[in-house]
Protein backbone atom coordinates (compact mmCIF):
# COMPACT_ATOMS: atom_id res chain seq x y z
CA MET A 1 -13.53 -90.43 -33.33
CA SER A 2 -10.44 -88.40 -34.07
CA ALA A 3 -7.02 -89.96 -34.45
CA ASN A 4 -5.74 -87.90 -31.51
CA LYS A 5 -8.54 -89.11 -29.21
CA GLN A 6 -7.97 -92.74 -30.35
CA LYS A 7 -4.26 -92.36 -29.56
CA LYS A 8 -5.07 -91.06 -26.03
CA ILE A 9 -7.43 -94.01 -25.39
CA THR A 10 -4.79 -96.48 -26.59
CA ILE A 11 -2.10 -94.89 -24.38
CA SER A 12 -4.49 -94.88 -21.42
CA THR A 13 -5.31 -98.56 -21.99
CA LEU A 14 -1.63 -99.45 -22.23
CA ARG A 15 -0.88 -97.57 -19.01
CA THR A 16 -3.70 -99.39 -17.23
CA TRP A 17 -2.36 -102.77 -18.37
CA ALA A 18 1.21 -101.81 -17.47
CA LEU A 19 0.07 -100.75 -13.99
CA PHE A 20 -1.89 -103.99 -13.57
CA ILE A 21 1.14 -106.09 -14.63
CA ALA A 22 3.48 -104.10 -12.38
CA ILE A 23 1.22 -104.67 -9.37
CA ALA A 24 0.28 -108.29 -10.09
CA THR A 25 3.64 -109.67 -11.25
CA PRO A 26 5.75 -109.37 -8.06
CA GLY A 27 3.09 -111.10 -5.98
CA THR A 28 2.74 -113.82 -8.58
CA LEU A 29 6.48 -114.35 -8.77
CA MET A 30 6.86 -114.51 -5.02
CA CYS A 31 3.87 -116.76 -4.39
CA ASP A 32 3.80 -119.20 -7.26
CA SER A 33 7.16 -119.70 -8.87
CA ASN A 34 9.52 -119.11 -5.95
CA PRO A 35 8.21 -120.88 -2.89
CA PRO A 36 10.49 -120.75 0.13
CA PRO A 37 12.91 -123.68 0.52
CA ARG A 38 11.40 -126.66 2.26
CA PHE A 39 13.33 -129.49 3.87
CA ASN A 40 12.41 -132.82 2.31
CA PRO A 41 13.87 -135.50 4.57
CA PRO A 42 15.13 -138.84 3.26
CA LYS A 43 12.50 -141.50 2.76
CA ASN A 44 12.72 -145.21 3.60
CA TYR A 45 15.27 -146.15 0.94
CA TYR A 46 18.46 -144.62 -0.43
CA LEU A 47 19.20 -145.90 -3.95
CA ALA A 48 22.85 -145.78 -5.07
CA LEU A 49 23.40 -146.35 -8.78
CA GLY A 50 26.51 -146.38 -10.91
CA ASP A 51 29.93 -147.90 -11.17
CA SER A 52 32.80 -149.00 -8.92
CA VAL A 53 32.70 -145.70 -7.02
CA ASP A 54 29.23 -146.58 -5.69
CA TYR A 55 30.24 -150.16 -5.08
CA GLY A 56 33.27 -149.15 -3.00
CA TYR A 57 35.69 -151.11 -5.20
CA GLN A 58 39.18 -151.70 -3.81
CA LEU A 59 41.61 -153.97 -5.67
CA PRO A 60 43.22 -155.54 -2.56
CA LYS A 61 39.78 -156.65 -1.36
CA VAL A 62 39.01 -158.13 -4.80
CA LEU A 63 42.32 -160.00 -4.81
CA ALA A 64 41.57 -161.31 -1.32
CA GLY A 65 38.24 -162.67 -2.61
CA LEU A 66 36.20 -160.77 -0.05
CA PRO A 67 32.39 -160.66 -0.28
CA PRO A 68 30.46 -157.47 -1.22
CA SER A 69 29.83 -156.71 2.46
CA ALA A 70 33.59 -156.05 2.86
CA PHE A 71 33.39 -153.25 0.30
CA ASP A 72 31.92 -150.82 2.79
CA THR A 73 34.07 -147.73 2.34
CA GLY A 74 32.61 -146.24 -0.85
CA TYR A 75 30.87 -142.91 -0.96
CA ALA A 76 27.46 -144.64 -0.93
CA ASP A 77 28.39 -146.15 2.44
CA ASP A 78 29.62 -142.84 3.84
CA PHE A 79 26.56 -141.02 2.53
CA GLY A 80 24.33 -143.75 3.99
CA VAL A 81 25.87 -143.17 7.43
CA ARG A 82 25.08 -139.46 7.18
CA LEU A 83 21.53 -140.18 6.04
CA ARG A 84 20.97 -142.42 9.07
CA ARG A 85 21.64 -139.41 11.30
CA ILE A 86 18.58 -137.75 9.74
CA GLN A 87 16.49 -140.88 9.07
CA PRO A 88 17.67 -143.73 11.32
CA GLY A 89 15.51 -146.35 9.59
CA ILE A 90 16.71 -145.68 6.03
CA THR A 91 17.81 -148.70 4.01
CA LYS A 92 20.64 -148.35 1.51
CA VAL A 93 20.13 -150.21 -1.76
CA ASN A 94 23.43 -150.27 -3.63
CA HIS A 95 23.23 -151.31 -7.30
CA GLY A 96 26.79 -150.06 -7.96
CA CYS A 97 28.50 -152.24 -10.55
CA PRO A 98 32.29 -152.14 -11.02
CA GLY A 99 33.11 -151.72 -14.70
CA GLU A 100 29.72 -150.21 -15.50
CA THR A 101 29.61 -147.84 -18.46
CA THR A 102 26.84 -145.55 -19.58
CA SER A 103 25.96 -148.11 -22.24
CA SER A 104 25.89 -151.13 -19.91
CA PHE A 105 23.95 -149.06 -17.36
CA ILE A 106 21.21 -148.56 -19.96
CA ASN A 107 21.40 -151.84 -21.88
CA GLY A 108 22.92 -154.31 -19.40
CA PRO A 109 24.29 -156.56 -18.26
CA CYS A 110 26.42 -155.47 -15.34
CA PRO A 111 30.00 -156.44 -16.30
CA TRP A 112 30.87 -157.32 -12.69
CA SER A 113 28.09 -159.85 -12.24
CA ALA A 114 28.51 -161.09 -15.84
CA ALA A 115 32.09 -161.98 -14.82
CA GLY A 116 30.74 -164.04 -11.93
CA GLN A 117 31.26 -161.48 -9.17
CA GLN A 118 28.64 -160.58 -6.57
CA LEU A 119 26.95 -157.22 -6.12
CA HIS A 120 25.74 -155.59 -2.92
CA ASN A 121 22.16 -155.87 -4.19
CA SER A 122 21.97 -158.17 -7.17
CA PHE A 123 19.83 -157.59 -10.25
CA THR A 124 19.53 -159.01 -13.74
CA GLY A 125 19.41 -157.05 -16.97
CA SER A 126 20.41 -153.42 -16.93
CA GLN A 127 20.97 -151.32 -13.85
CA LEU A 128 18.53 -148.75 -15.24
CA ASP A 129 15.78 -151.37 -15.50
CA ALA A 130 16.58 -152.58 -11.98
CA ALA A 131 16.33 -149.00 -10.66
CA VAL A 132 13.00 -148.39 -12.42
CA ALA A 133 11.64 -151.69 -11.08
CA PHE A 134 12.75 -150.79 -7.56
CA LEU A 135 11.14 -147.35 -7.80
CA ARG A 136 7.90 -148.84 -9.09
CA SER A 137 7.80 -151.40 -6.29
CA HIS A 138 8.46 -148.70 -3.65
CA PRO A 139 6.46 -145.65 -4.81
CA GLY A 140 7.12 -142.56 -2.72
CA GLU A 141 9.58 -144.42 -0.48
CA VAL A 142 12.87 -143.75 -2.29
CA SER A 143 14.89 -140.62 -1.67
CA PRO A 144 17.64 -139.78 -2.24
CA ILE A 145 18.98 -141.39 -5.39
CA THR A 146 22.63 -140.94 -6.36
CA ILE A 147 24.30 -141.94 -9.60
CA THR A 148 27.96 -142.03 -10.55
CA LEU A 149 29.01 -143.15 -14.02
CA TRP A 150 32.29 -141.99 -15.43
CA ALA A 151 35.39 -144.06 -14.69
CA LYS A 152 35.01 -146.80 -17.30
CA ASP A 153 33.67 -144.32 -19.87
CA ILE A 154 36.83 -142.20 -19.42
CA GLN A 155 39.03 -145.27 -19.64
CA ASN A 156 37.27 -146.42 -22.83
CA PHE A 157 37.68 -142.95 -24.31
CA ALA A 158 41.39 -143.01 -23.51
CA LEU A 159 41.73 -146.43 -25.17
CA ASP A 160 39.48 -145.94 -28.19
CA VAL A 161 40.09 -142.30 -29.06
CA CYS A 162 43.52 -141.53 -27.61
CA HIS A 163 44.84 -145.10 -27.91
CA PHE A 164 46.06 -144.45 -24.40
CA ASP A 165 48.42 -141.82 -25.78
CA LEU A 166 47.91 -139.29 -23.06
CA THR A 167 50.75 -137.01 -24.13
CA TRP A 168 48.13 -134.32 -24.72
CA LEU A 169 48.11 -134.04 -20.93
CA SER A 170 51.78 -133.04 -20.93
CA PHE A 171 50.91 -129.36 -20.51
CA TRP A 172 50.42 -130.19 -16.81
CA ASP A 173 54.14 -130.99 -16.57
CA SER A 174 54.99 -127.35 -17.15
CA PHE A 175 52.13 -126.00 -15.06
CA GLU A 176 53.49 -124.03 -12.14
CA PRO A 177 50.80 -122.74 -9.80
CA SER A 178 53.22 -120.33 -8.09
CA ARG A 179 53.99 -118.58 -11.40
CA LEU A 180 50.29 -118.41 -12.21
CA MET A 181 49.56 -116.83 -8.82
CA GLN A 182 52.34 -114.28 -9.36
CA ARG A 183 50.83 -113.28 -12.69
CA LEU A 184 47.37 -112.99 -11.20
CA SER A 185 48.49 -110.77 -8.31
């Protein structure tokens, strides 16, 4: 077979494959990898994990010695109210632990309960282990799950790294939004 004829067969084969891919690919992309959005309603339990933001921590309530049930204005509580509009029977399980860091979340214990304070839903060990245990004991029944961990980590960073010298934030003192907007327009 001549080199010219071999070249024509190769080009013809490549065109056939290119045509096949061009025809098959859009249908594949539309059908398999990009299904239309589907509403997945909340299940039986809403699991809130994290720190004092989940717990609904408020210093005046702590100083008054109020029980965990009085800390009912955190985002987990507000979100729980909204979830009940969609799924009236949903149960909120709040493992939020004031003072929780990423490290204590993973390794335990919860600093709040270690200091003798009560949680909304108590657990021993780490919050991560408690969450995994809850999920295993309620397979397919937990959704949504929220997690908030940042406050104590930021505070520790400010103490350990910045030695609470936050003068590096002083650039905000000279920040003038009106001047910025004038420059942008």
